[in-house]
Amino acid sequence: MIVIRPLKHGSISVVHLADPATRDVLMRFNENVLTLAEQLREVQQAVQALERQVNGLSAKVYALENP
């Protein structure tokens, strides 16, 4: 069973970084991590839907085989 959990640490704060280049790289990294988290959540939701369908079909097959 797929369990959807949030990111443990979210994104990294860039407020206190003085170097603009480092801040920019870290902001882009954060964006990539958040985008990957969204995509993973979509895949997890799709797997959950498939699991529900399989469980429903299994129950129907069991009912047909055991009248």
N, C-alpha and C. Protein backbone atom coordinates (compact mmCIF):
# COMPACT_ATOMS: atom_id res chain seq x y z
N MET A 1 0.84 -1.18 0.00
CA MET A 1 0.00 0.00 0.00
C MET A 1 0.89 1.25 0.00
N ILE A 2 0.61 2.15 -0.90
CA ILE A 2 1.36 3.40 -1.01
C ILE A 2 0.85 4.40 0.02
N VAL A 3 1.77 4.99 0.76
CA VAL A 3 1.43 6.03 1.74
C VAL A 3 2.09 7.32 1.28
N ILE A 4 1.29 8.37 1.11
CA ILE A 4 1.80 9.65 0.67
C ILE A 4 2.18 10.47 1.90
N ARG A 5 3.44 10.87 1.95
CA ARG A 5 3.93 11.68 3.07
C ARG A 5 4.55 12.96 2.53
N PRO A 6 4.48 14.03 3.29
CA PRO A 6 5.11 15.28 2.85
C PRO A 6 6.63 15.20 2.96
N LEU A 7 7.32 16.13 2.32
CA LEU A 7 8.76 16.21 2.45
C LEU A 7 9.12 16.49 3.91
N LYS A 8 10.15 15.83 4.39
CA LYS A 8 10.53 16.00 5.80
C LYS A 8 10.98 17.42 6.11
N HIS A 9 11.74 18.02 5.22
CA HIS A 9 12.32 19.33 5.52
C HIS A 9 11.86 20.43 4.58
N GLY A 10 10.98 20.13 3.67
CA GLY A 10 10.49 21.16 2.75
C GLY A 10 11.62 21.72 1.91
N SER A 11 11.72 23.04 1.88
CA SER A 11 12.78 23.66 1.11
C SER A 11 13.76 24.38 2.05
N ILE A 12 14.91 24.68 1.52
CA ILE A 12 15.96 25.32 2.30
C ILE A 12 15.83 26.83 2.15
N SER A 13 15.89 27.54 3.26
CA SER A 13 15.78 29.00 3.24
C SER A 13 17.03 29.61 2.63
N VAL A 14 16.84 30.62 1.79
CA VAL A 14 17.96 31.32 1.16
C VAL A 14 18.05 32.76 1.66
N VAL A 15 17.26 33.11 2.65
CA VAL A 15 17.19 34.48 3.14
C VAL A 15 18.53 34.98 3.65
N HIS A 16 19.28 34.15 4.34
CA HIS A 16 20.51 34.59 4.99
C HIS A 16 21.76 34.40 4.13
N LEU A 17 21.59 34.00 2.87
CA LEU A 17 22.76 33.82 2.01
C LEU A 17 23.15 35.17 1.38
N ALA A 18 24.38 35.57 1.60
CA ALA A 18 24.85 36.85 1.08
C ALA A 18 25.25 36.76 -0.39
N ASP A 19 25.79 35.61 -0.79
CA ASP A 19 26.29 35.46 -2.16
C ASP A 19 25.12 35.24 -3.13
N PRO A 20 24.94 36.15 -4.08
CA PRO A 20 23.81 36.02 -5.02
C PRO A 20 23.87 34.74 -5.87
N ALA A 21 25.06 34.33 -6.27
CA ALA A 21 25.18 33.13 -7.11
C ALA A 21 24.77 31.89 -6.33
N THR A 22 25.20 31.79 -5.08
CA THR A 22 24.82 30.65 -4.24
C THR A 22 23.33 30.66 -3.98
N ARG A 23 22.78 31.84 -3.71
CA ARG A 23 21.35 31.96 -3.45
C ARG A 23 20.54 31.51 -4.68
N ASP A 24 21.00 31.93 -5.87
CA ASP A 24 20.31 31.55 -7.10
C ASP A 24 20.34 30.04 -7.33
N VAL A 25 21.50 29.44 -7.12
CA VAL A 25 21.63 27.98 -7.30
C VAL A 25 20.73 27.25 -6.32
N LEU A 26 20.71 27.69 -5.07
CA LEU A 26 19.90 27.03 -4.06
C LEU A 26 18.40 27.21 -4.34
N MET A 27 18.01 28.37 -4.84
CA MET A 27 16.60 28.59 -5.19
C MET A 27 16.19 27.65 -6.32
N ARG A 28 17.06 27.48 -7.31
CA ARG A 28 16.76 26.56 -8.42
C ARG A 28 16.68 25.11 -7.92
N PHE A 29 17.58 24.77 -7.01
CA PHE A 29 17.56 23.43 -6.42
C PHE A 29 16.24 23.20 -5.68
N ASN A 30 15.82 24.18 -4.89
CA ASN A 30 14.55 24.07 -4.17
C ASN A 30 13.38 23.87 -5.13
N GLU A 31 13.39 24.63 -6.23
CA GLU A 31 12.31 24.49 -7.23
C GLU A 31 12.30 23.08 -7.80
N ASN A 32 13.47 22.53 -8.09
CA ASN A 32 13.54 21.17 -8.63
C ASN A 32 13.02 20.15 -7.63
N VAL A 33 13.40 20.29 -6.37
CA VAL A 33 12.94 19.35 -5.35
C VAL A 33 11.42 19.42 -5.21
N LEU A 34 10.86 20.62 -5.18
CA LEU A 34 9.41 20.76 -5.05
C LEU A 34 8.68 20.22 -6.27
N THR A 35 9.25 20.42 -7.45
CA THR A 35 8.64 19.86 -8.67
C THR A 35 8.67 18.34 -8.63
N LEU A 36 9.78 17.76 -8.21
CA LEU A 36 9.87 16.31 -8.08
C LEU A 36 8.88 15.78 -7.04
N ALA A 37 8.70 16.52 -5.96
CA ALA A 37 7.74 16.10 -4.93
C ALA A 37 6.32 16.10 -5.50
N GLU A 38 5.98 17.10 -6.30
CA GLU A 38 4.65 17.13 -6.93
C GLU A 38 4.46 15.95 -7.87
N GLN A 39 5.47 15.67 -8.67
CA GLN A 39 5.38 14.56 -9.61
C GLN A 39 5.27 13.23 -8.87
N LEU A 40 6.04 13.07 -7.80
CA LEU A 40 5.96 11.85 -7.01
C LEU A 40 4.57 11.68 -6.41
N ARG A 41 3.99 12.77 -5.91
CA ARG A 41 2.65 12.71 -5.33
C ARG A 41 1.63 12.25 -6.39
N GLU A 42 1.77 12.76 -7.62
CA GLU A 42 0.86 12.35 -8.70
C GLU A 42 1.00 10.86 -8.99
N VAL A 43 2.22 10.35 -9.03
CA VAL A 43 2.45 8.93 -9.28
C VAL A 43 1.88 8.09 -8.13
N GLN A 44 2.10 8.55 -6.90
CA GLN A 44 1.58 7.83 -5.74
C GLN A 44 0.05 7.78 -5.77
N GLN A 45 -0.58 8.88 -6.15
CA GLN A 45 -2.04 8.89 -6.24
C GLN A 45 -2.53 7.94 -7.33
N ALA A 46 -1.81 7.88 -8.44
CA ALA A 46 -2.18 6.95 -9.51
C ALA A 46 -2.05 5.51 -9.04
N VAL A 47 -0.99 5.21 -8.31
CA VAL A 47 -0.79 3.85 -7.79
C VAL A 47 -1.90 3.51 -6.79
N GLN A 48 -2.26 4.46 -5.94
CA GLN A 48 -3.34 4.22 -4.99
C GLN A 48 -4.65 3.91 -5.73
N ALA A 49 -4.93 4.63 -6.80
CA ALA A 49 -6.14 4.37 -7.58
C ALA A 49 -6.09 2.98 -8.20
N LEU A 50 -4.93 2.59 -8.72
CA LEU A 50 -4.79 1.24 -9.29
C LEU A 50 -4.95 0.18 -8.22
N GLU A 51 -4.41 0.42 -7.03
CA GLU A 51 -4.55 -0.54 -5.94
C GLU A 51 -6.03 -0.72 -5.57
N ARG A 52 -6.78 0.38 -5.53
CA ARG A 52 -8.21 0.28 -5.23
C ARG A 52 -8.95 -0.52 -6.30
N GLN A 53 -8.59 -0.28 -7.57
CA GLN A 53 -9.22 -1.04 -8.65
C GLN A 53 -8.90 -2.52 -8.56
N VAL A 54 -7.65 -2.84 -8.30
CA VAL A 54 -7.24 -4.25 -8.18
C VAL A 54 -7.97 -4.91 -7.02
N ASN A 55 -8.05 -4.21 -5.88
CA ASN A 55 -8.75 -4.78 -4.73
C ASN A 55 -10.23 -5.00 -5.03
N GLY A 56 -10.84 -4.05 -5.74
CA GLY A 56 -12.24 -4.20 -6.12
C GLY A 56 -12.45 -5.37 -7.07
N LEU A 57 -11.56 -5.49 -8.04
CA LEU A 57 -11.67 -6.60 -8.99
C LEU A 57 -11.42 -7.94 -8.30
N SER A 58 -10.48 -7.97 -7.37
CA SER A 58 -10.21 -9.20 -6.64
C SER A 58 -11.43 -9.63 -5.84
N ALA A 59 -12.11 -8.67 -5.24
CA ALA A 59 -13.32 -9.00 -4.47
C ALA A 59 -14.40 -9.54 -5.39
N LYS A 60 -14.53 -8.99 -6.59
CA LYS A 60 -15.53 -9.49 -7.54
C LYS A 60 -15.20 -10.91 -7.99
N VAL A 61 -13.93 -11.17 -8.28
CA VAL A 61 -13.51 -12.51 -8.70
C VAL A 61 -13.78 -13.51 -7.57
N TYR A 62 -13.45 -13.13 -6.32
CA TYR A 62 -13.69 -14.01 -5.18
C TYR A 62 -15.18 -14.29 -5.06
N ALA A 63 -16.03 -13.27 -5.24
CA ALA A 63 -17.48 -13.45 -5.13
C ALA A 63 -17.99 -14.37 -6.23
N LEU A 64 -17.44 -14.27 -7.40
CA LEU A 64 -17.87 -15.13 -8.51
C LEU A 64 -17.43 -16.57 -8.29
N GLU A 65 -16.26 -16.75 -7.71
CA GLU A 65 -15.74 -18.10 -7.50
C GLU A 65 -16.35 -18.79 -6.29
N ASN A 66 -16.92 -18.02 -5.38
CA ASN A 66 -17.48 -18.56 -4.14
C ASN A 66 -18.93 -18.11 -3.95
N PRO A 67 -19.82 -18.68 -4.75
CA PRO A 67 -21.22 -18.25 -4.67
C PRO A 67 -21.91 -18.63 -3.39
